[in-house]
């Protein structure tokens, strides 16, 4: 582990064997940000149009997943992690350190892999990374109408702490629950 809490290899949670490949969660360098952008494009267009509409999906992908936005987030301290099944990217997470907590800004898995425990492993491995930096709390935002994600986070120990309707431009809002998981140090360290 490096002094800033990152690793040079896979996440510390033992990767379960799944099908014909091993799962890994690895830090992303600048050259892999296009992979994150491509995964976001696939996931968002499959999941979010019924929840927020195609116009907002288009806007949010441009706002948060353009390479310039991903690079700026990385420079500002966001830690990107690429989730792989063998050599194949299947999802990603991104979190940033905040005082006493880690804020999970992005956490996505290809929809074709939902429901088989891979999302839970991604959540746990991301929380483990946060815990390894000495933080005891993980927090996140989730769209209030994304029932599957809310259910997954609750199963992983997150609780709804508040609601927030945040204007993000062009008349769009992020209509979210704020969720939090405490006690990471006791579980992972």
C-alpha atoms as a PDB file:
ATOM      1  CA  UNK A   1       0.000   0.000   0.000  1.00  0.00           C
ATOM      2  CA  UNK A   2       1.195   3.501  -0.795  1.00  0.00           C
ATOM      3  CA  UNK A   3       1.251   6.307   1.772  1.00  0.00           C
ATOM      4  CA  UNK A   4      -1.944   7.844   0.351  1.00  0.00           C
ATOM      5  CA  UNK A   5      -3.884   4.603   0.842  1.00  0.00           C
ATOM      6  CA  UNK A   6      -3.853   3.452  -2.758  1.00  0.00           C
ATOM      7  CA  UNK A   7      -2.326   0.231  -3.955  1.00  0.00           C
ATOM      8  CA  UNK A   8      -0.281  -0.666  -6.922  1.00  0.00           C
ATOM      9  CA  UNK A   9      -2.396  -3.756  -7.546  1.00  0.00           C
ATOM     10  CA  UNK A  10      -5.850  -5.181  -7.024  1.00  0.00           C
ATOM     11  CA  UNK A  11      -8.182  -4.343  -4.156  1.00  0.00           C
ATOM     12  CA  UNK A  12      -7.434  -6.024  -0.860  1.00  0.00           C
ATOM     13  CA  UNK A  13     -10.705  -7.925  -0.650  1.00  0.00           C
ATOM     14  CA  UNK A  14     -10.038 -11.450  -1.887  1.00  0.00           C
ATOM     15  CA  UNK A  15     -11.491 -11.697  -5.370  1.00  0.00           C
ATOM     16  CA  UNK A  16     -13.933 -14.573  -5.723  1.00  0.00           C
ATOM     17  CA  UNK A  17     -13.713 -16.824  -8.711  1.00  0.00           C
ATOM     18  CA  UNK A  18     -16.601 -16.164 -11.071  1.00  0.00           C
ATOM     19  CA  UNK A  19     -17.177 -18.322 -14.105  1.00  0.00           C
ATOM     20  CA  UNK A  20     -13.992 -18.546 -16.117  1.00  0.00           C
ATOM     21  CA  UNK A  21     -12.173 -15.556 -14.678  1.00  0.00           C
ATOM     22  CA  UNK A  22     -11.010 -13.788 -11.554  1.00  0.00           C
ATOM     23  CA  UNK A  23     -12.413 -10.507 -10.365  1.00  0.00           C
ATOM     24  CA  UNK A  24     -10.088  -7.580  -9.748  1.00  0.00           C
ATOM     25  CA  UNK A  25     -10.478  -3.939  -8.795  1.00  0.00           C
ATOM     26  CA  UNK A  26      -7.466  -1.912  -9.830  1.00  0.00           C
ATOM     27  CA  UNK A  27      -6.450   1.745  -9.607  1.00  0.00           C
ATOM     28  CA  UNK A  28      -6.888   3.566 -12.913  1.00  0.00           C
ATOM     29  CA  UNK A  29      -4.144   5.616 -14.475  1.00  0.00           C
ATOM     30  CA  UNK A  30      -4.692   8.398 -17.001  1.00  0.00           C
ATOM     31  CA  UNK A  31      -4.473   6.025 -19.960  1.00  0.00           C
ATOM     32  CA  UNK A  32      -7.478   3.978 -18.730  1.00  0.00           C
ATOM     33  CA  UNK A  33      -9.915   6.873 -18.355  1.00  0.00           C
ATOM     34  CA  UNK A  34     -11.331   6.194 -21.860  1.00  0.00           C
ATOM     35  CA  UNK A  35     -12.315   2.714 -20.617  1.00  0.00           C
ATOM     36  CA  UNK A  36     -14.224   4.351 -17.734  1.00  0.00           C
ATOM     37  CA  UNK A  37     -15.951   6.725 -20.184  1.00  0.00           C
ATOM     38  CA  UNK A  38     -16.953   3.839 -22.481  1.00  0.00           C
ATOM     39  CA  UNK A  39     -18.324   1.768 -19.587  1.00  0.00           C
ATOM     40  CA  UNK A  40     -20.293   4.770 -18.311  1.00  0.00           C
ATOM     41  CA  UNK A  41     -21.809   5.248 -21.761  1.00  0.00           C
ATOM     42  CA  UNK A  42     -22.949   1.606 -21.889  1.00  0.00           C
ATOM     43  CA  UNK A  43     -24.332   1.518 -18.345  1.00  0.00           C
ATOM     44  CA  UNK A  44     -26.070   4.895 -18.424  1.00  0.00           C
ATOM     45  CA  UNK A  45     -27.882   4.272 -21.722  1.00  0.00           C
ATOM     46  CA  UNK A  46     -29.063   0.868 -20.490  1.00  0.00           C
ATOM     47  CA  UNK A  47     -30.187   1.961 -17.004  1.00  0.00           C
ATOM     48  CA  UNK A  48     -31.096   5.632 -16.812  1.00  0.00           C
ATOM     49  CA  UNK A  49     -33.427   6.665 -19.685  1.00  0.00           C
ATOM     50  CA  UNK A  50     -36.520   5.249 -17.910  1.00  0.00           C
ATOM     51  CA  UNK A  51     -35.453   6.953 -14.668  1.00  0.00           C
ATOM     52  CA  UNK A  52     -34.314  10.416 -15.811  1.00  0.00           C
ATOM     53  CA  UNK A  53     -34.987  10.535 -19.558  1.00  0.00           C
ATOM     54  CA  UNK A  54     -32.673  10.443 -22.558  1.00  0.00           C
ATOM     55  CA  UNK A  55     -32.008  14.214 -22.578  1.00  0.00           C
ATOM     56  CA  UNK A  56     -30.695  14.178 -19.007  1.00  0.00           C
ATOM     57  CA  UNK A  57     -28.627  11.025 -19.673  1.00  0.00           C
ATOM     58  CA  UNK A  58     -26.982  12.788 -22.607  1.00  0.00           C
ATOM     59  CA  UNK A  59     -26.357  15.913 -20.500  1.00  0.00           C
ATOM     60  CA  UNK A  60     -24.949  14.019 -17.510  1.00  0.00           C
ATOM     61  CA  UNK A  61     -22.648  11.841 -19.616  1.00  0.00           C
ATOM     62  CA  UNK A  62     -21.197  14.978 -21.210  1.00  0.00           C
ATOM     63  CA  UNK A  63     -20.938  16.739 -17.873  1.00  0.00           C
ATOM     64  CA  UNK A  64     -19.440  13.928 -15.794  1.00  0.00           C
ATOM     65  CA  UNK A  65     -17.878  11.391 -18.139  1.00  0.00           C
ATOM     66  CA  UNK A  66     -16.184  13.374 -20.896  1.00  0.00           C
ATOM     67  CA  UNK A  67     -12.451  12.696 -20.717  1.00  0.00           C
ATOM     68  CA  UNK A  68     -11.799  16.290 -19.671  1.00  0.00           C
ATOM     69  CA  UNK A  69     -14.218  15.888 -16.712  1.00  0.00           C
ATOM     70  CA  UNK A  70     -12.711  12.549 -15.671  1.00  0.00           C
ATOM     71  CA  UNK A  71      -9.185  13.997 -15.861  1.00  0.00           C
ATOM     72  CA  UNK A  72     -10.218  17.015 -13.789  1.00  0.00           C
ATOM     73  CA  UNK A  73     -11.812  14.748 -11.166  1.00  0.00           C
ATOM     74  CA  UNK A  74      -8.662  12.626 -11.015  1.00  0.00           C
ATOM     75  CA  UNK A  75      -6.442  15.707 -10.606  1.00  0.00           C
ATOM     76  CA  UNK A  76      -8.753  16.923  -7.806  1.00  0.00           C
ATOM     77  CA  UNK A  77      -8.201  13.700  -5.851  1.00  0.00           C
ATOM     78  CA  UNK A  78     -10.902  11.306  -7.046  1.00  0.00           C
ATOM     79  CA  UNK A  79      -9.612   7.732  -7.052  1.00  0.00           C
ATOM     80  CA  UNK A  80     -10.867   5.683  -9.987  1.00  0.00           C
ATOM     81  CA  UNK A  81     -10.978   1.886  -9.822  1.00  0.00           C
ATOM     82  CA  UNK A  82     -11.573  -0.429 -12.770  1.00  0.00           C
ATOM     83  CA  UNK A  83     -13.487  -3.654 -12.100  1.00  0.00           C
ATOM     84  CA  UNK A  84     -12.512  -6.591 -14.301  1.00  0.00           C
ATOM     85  CA  UNK A  85     -13.626 -10.147 -14.816  1.00  0.00           C
ATOM     86  CA  UNK A  86     -10.382 -11.669 -16.035  1.00  0.00           C
ATOM     87  CA  UNK A  87      -9.099  -9.141 -18.588  1.00  0.00           C
ATOM     88  CA  UNK A  88     -12.574  -7.745 -19.409  1.00  0.00           C
ATOM     89  CA  UNK A  89     -13.705  -4.427 -17.829  1.00  0.00           C
ATOM     90  CA  UNK A  90     -17.180  -4.930 -16.315  1.00  0.00           C
ATOM     91  CA  UNK A  91     -17.583  -1.883 -14.089  1.00  0.00           C
ATOM     92  CA  UNK A  92     -15.879   0.836 -12.116  1.00  0.00           C
ATOM     93  CA  UNK A  93     -15.952   2.894  -8.965  1.00  0.00           C
ATOM     94  CA  UNK A  94     -14.675   6.348  -8.113  1.00  0.00           C
ATOM     95  CA  UNK A  95     -14.397   7.854  -4.659  1.00  0.00           C
ATOM     96  CA  UNK A  96     -12.811  10.914  -3.160  1.00  0.00           C
ATOM     97  CA  UNK A  97     -11.480  11.518   0.326  1.00  0.00           C
ATOM     98  CA  UNK A  98     -13.411  13.941   2.493  1.00  0.00           C
ATOM     99  CA  UNK A  99     -12.878  14.813   6.142  1.00  0.00           C
ATOM    100  CA  UNK A 100     -13.569  11.629   8.100  1.00  0.00           C
ATOM    101  CA  UNK A 101     -15.243   9.875   5.186  1.00  0.00           C
ATOM    102  CA  UNK A 102     -14.944   8.732   1.623  1.00  0.00           C
ATOM    103  CA  UNK A 103     -17.559   9.911  -0.853  1.00  0.00           C
ATOM    104  CA  UNK A 104     -18.386   7.297  -3.497  1.00  0.00           C
ATOM    105  CA  UNK A 105     -19.038   9.431  -6.548  1.00  0.00           C
ATOM    106  CA  UNK A 106     -19.420   6.656  -9.116  1.00  0.00           C
ATOM    107  CA  UNK A 107     -20.104   2.935  -8.811  1.00  0.00           C
ATOM    108  CA  UNK A 108     -21.361   1.023 -11.839  1.00  0.00           C
ATOM    109  CA  UNK A 109     -21.549  -2.546 -13.071  1.00  0.00           C
ATOM    110  CA  UNK A 110     -22.719  -3.672 -16.509  1.00  0.00           C
ATOM    111  CA  UNK A 111     -26.471  -4.383 -16.176  1.00  0.00           C
ATOM    112  CA  UNK A 112     -26.118  -7.857 -17.706  1.00  0.00           C
ATOM    113  CA  UNK A 113     -24.157  -8.805 -14.561  1.00  0.00           C
ATOM    114  CA  UNK A 114     -26.632  -7.474 -11.994  1.00  0.00           C
ATOM    115  CA  UNK A 115     -28.075  -9.949  -9.519  1.00  0.00           C
ATOM    116  CA  UNK A 116     -25.166 -12.377  -9.195  1.00  0.00           C
ATOM    117  CA  UNK A 117     -23.171 -10.837  -6.336  1.00  0.00           C
ATOM    118  CA  UNK A 118     -20.711  -8.870  -8.447  1.00  0.00           C
ATOM    119  CA  UNK A 119     -22.178  -5.501  -7.452  1.00  0.00           C
ATOM    120  CA  UNK A 120     -21.932  -6.405  -3.765  1.00  0.00           C
ATOM    121  CA  UNK A 121     -18.272  -7.322  -4.224  1.00  0.00           C
ATOM    122  CA  UNK A 122     -17.654  -3.964  -5.948  1.00  0.00           C
ATOM    123  CA  UNK A 123     -19.328  -2.054  -3.099  1.00  0.00           C
ATOM    124  CA  UNK A 124     -17.393  -3.993  -0.433  1.00  0.00           C
ATOM    125  CA  UNK A 125     -14.040  -3.608  -2.186  1.00  0.00           C
ATOM    126  CA  UNK A 126     -14.617   0.149  -2.590  1.00  0.00           C
ATOM    127  CA  UNK A 127     -15.548   0.488   1.098  1.00  0.00           C
ATOM    128  CA  UNK A 128     -12.420  -1.492   1.982  1.00  0.00           C
ATOM    129  CA  UNK A 129     -10.297   1.023   0.047  1.00  0.00           C
ATOM    130  CA  UNK A 130     -11.936   3.873   1.945  1.00  0.00           C
ATOM    131  CA  UNK A 131     -11.339   2.099   5.275  1.00  0.00           C
ATOM    132  CA  UNK A 132      -7.687   1.504   4.407  1.00  0.00           C
ATOM    133  CA  UNK A 133      -7.147   5.278   4.326  1.00  0.00           C
ATOM    134  CA  UNK A 134      -8.339   5.540   7.953  1.00  0.00           C
ATOM    135  CA  UNK A 135     -11.861   6.668   7.160  1.00  0.00           C
ATOM    136  CA  UNK A 136     -14.765   5.058   9.015  1.00  0.00           C
ATOM    137  CA  UNK A 137     -17.640   6.306   6.839  1.00  0.00           C
ATOM    138  CA  UNK A 138     -18.611   5.874   3.187  1.00  0.00           C
ATOM    139  CA  UNK A 139     -21.292   8.136   1.733  1.00  0.00           C
ATOM    140  CA  UNK A 140     -22.940   8.450  -1.665  1.00  0.00           C
ATOM    141  CA  UNK A 141     -25.865   9.855  -3.643  1.00  0.00           C
ATOM    142  CA  UNK A 142     -28.345   7.617  -5.450  1.00  0.00           C
ATOM    143  CA  UNK A 143     -31.294   8.615  -7.602  1.00  0.00           C
ATOM    144  CA  UNK A 144     -34.466   8.241  -5.539  1.00  0.00           C
ATOM    145  CA  UNK A 145     -36.122   6.290  -8.352  1.00  0.00           C
ATOM    146  CA  UNK A 146     -33.272   3.818  -8.901  1.00  0.00           C
ATOM    147  CA  UNK A 147     -34.845   1.080  -6.784  1.00  0.00           C
ATOM    148  CA  UNK A 148     -32.313  -1.610  -7.725  1.00  0.00           C
ATOM    149  CA  UNK A 149     -29.341   0.507  -6.650  1.00  0.00           C
ATOM    150  CA  UNK A 150     -31.042   1.578  -3.414  1.00  0.00           C
ATOM    151  CA  UNK A 151     -31.758  -2.060  -2.600  1.00  0.00           C
ATOM    152  CA  UNK A 152     -28.134  -3.046  -3.337  1.00  0.00           C
ATOM    153  CA  UNK A 153     -26.742  -0.280  -1.128  1.00  0.00           C
ATOM    154  CA  UNK A 154     -29.105  -1.164   1.720  1.00  0.00           C
ATOM    155  CA  UNK A 155     -28.023  -4.803   1.527  1.00  0.00           C
ATOM    156  CA  UNK A 156     -24.426  -3.598   1.776  1.00  0.00           C
ATOM    157  CA  UNK A 157     -25.124  -1.701   5.003  1.00  0.00           C
ATOM    158  CA  UNK A 158     -25.916   1.793   3.703  1.00  0.00           C
ATOM    159  CA  UNK A 159     -28.820   3.747   5.194  1.00  0.00           C
ATOM    160  CA  UNK A 160     -30.702   6.724   3.786  1.00  0.00           C
ATOM    161  CA  UNK A 161     -29.771   9.831   5.765  1.00  0.00           C
ATOM    162  CA  UNK A 162     -31.442  12.592   3.717  1.00  0.00           C
ATOM    163  CA  UNK A 163     -32.979  13.571   0.405  1.00  0.00           C
ATOM    164  CA  UNK A 164     -31.572  16.222  -1.885  1.00  0.00           C
ATOM    165  CA  UNK A 165     -32.777  17.766  -5.122  1.00  0.00           C
ATOM    166  CA  UNK A 166     -29.720  19.436  -6.636  1.00  0.00           C
ATOM    167  CA  UNK A 167     -30.019  21.651  -9.758  1.00  0.00           C
ATOM    168  CA  UNK A 168     -27.261  20.717 -12.215  1.00  0.00           C
ATOM    169  CA  UNK A 169     -27.978  23.020 -15.160  1.00  0.00           C
ATOM    170  CA  UNK A 170     -30.268  23.260 -18.192  1.00  0.00           C
ATOM    171  CA  UNK A 171     -33.274  22.713 -15.917  1.00  0.00           C
ATOM    172  CA  UNK A 172     -32.094  19.252 -14.848  1.00  0.00           C
ATOM    173  CA  UNK A 173     -31.844  18.122 -11.228  1.00  0.00           C
ATOM    174  CA  UNK A 174     -30.302  15.234  -9.350  1.00  0.00           C
ATOM    175  CA  UNK A 175     -33.228  13.980  -7.246  1.00  0.00           C
ATOM    176  CA  UNK A 176     -31.303  11.819  -4.825  1.00  0.00           C
ATOM    177  CA  UNK A 177     -31.171  10.040  -1.528  1.00  0.00           C
ATOM    178  CA  UNK A 178     -28.014  10.619   0.454  1.00  0.00           C
ATOM    179  CA  UNK A 179     -26.829   7.324   1.911  1.00  0.00           C
ATOM    180  CA  UNK A 180     -24.149   6.503   4.439  1.00  0.00           C
ATOM    181  CA  UNK A 181     -22.391   3.436   5.823  1.00  0.00           C
ATOM    182  CA  UNK A 182     -20.555   3.741   9.104  1.00  0.00           C
ATOM    183  CA  UNK A 183     -18.209   1.459  11.008  1.00  0.00           C
ATOM    184  CA  UNK A 184     -15.862   0.666   8.120  1.00  0.00           C
ATOM    185  CA  UNK A 185     -12.853   0.484  10.430  1.00  0.00           C
ATOM    186  CA  UNK A 186     -14.442  -2.215  12.585  1.00  0.00           C
ATOM    187  CA  UNK A 187     -15.369  -4.309   9.585  1.00  0.00           C
ATOM    188  CA  UNK A 188     -12.266  -4.091   7.451  1.00  0.00           C
ATOM    189  CA  UNK A 189      -9.254  -3.175   9.551  1.00  0.00           C
END
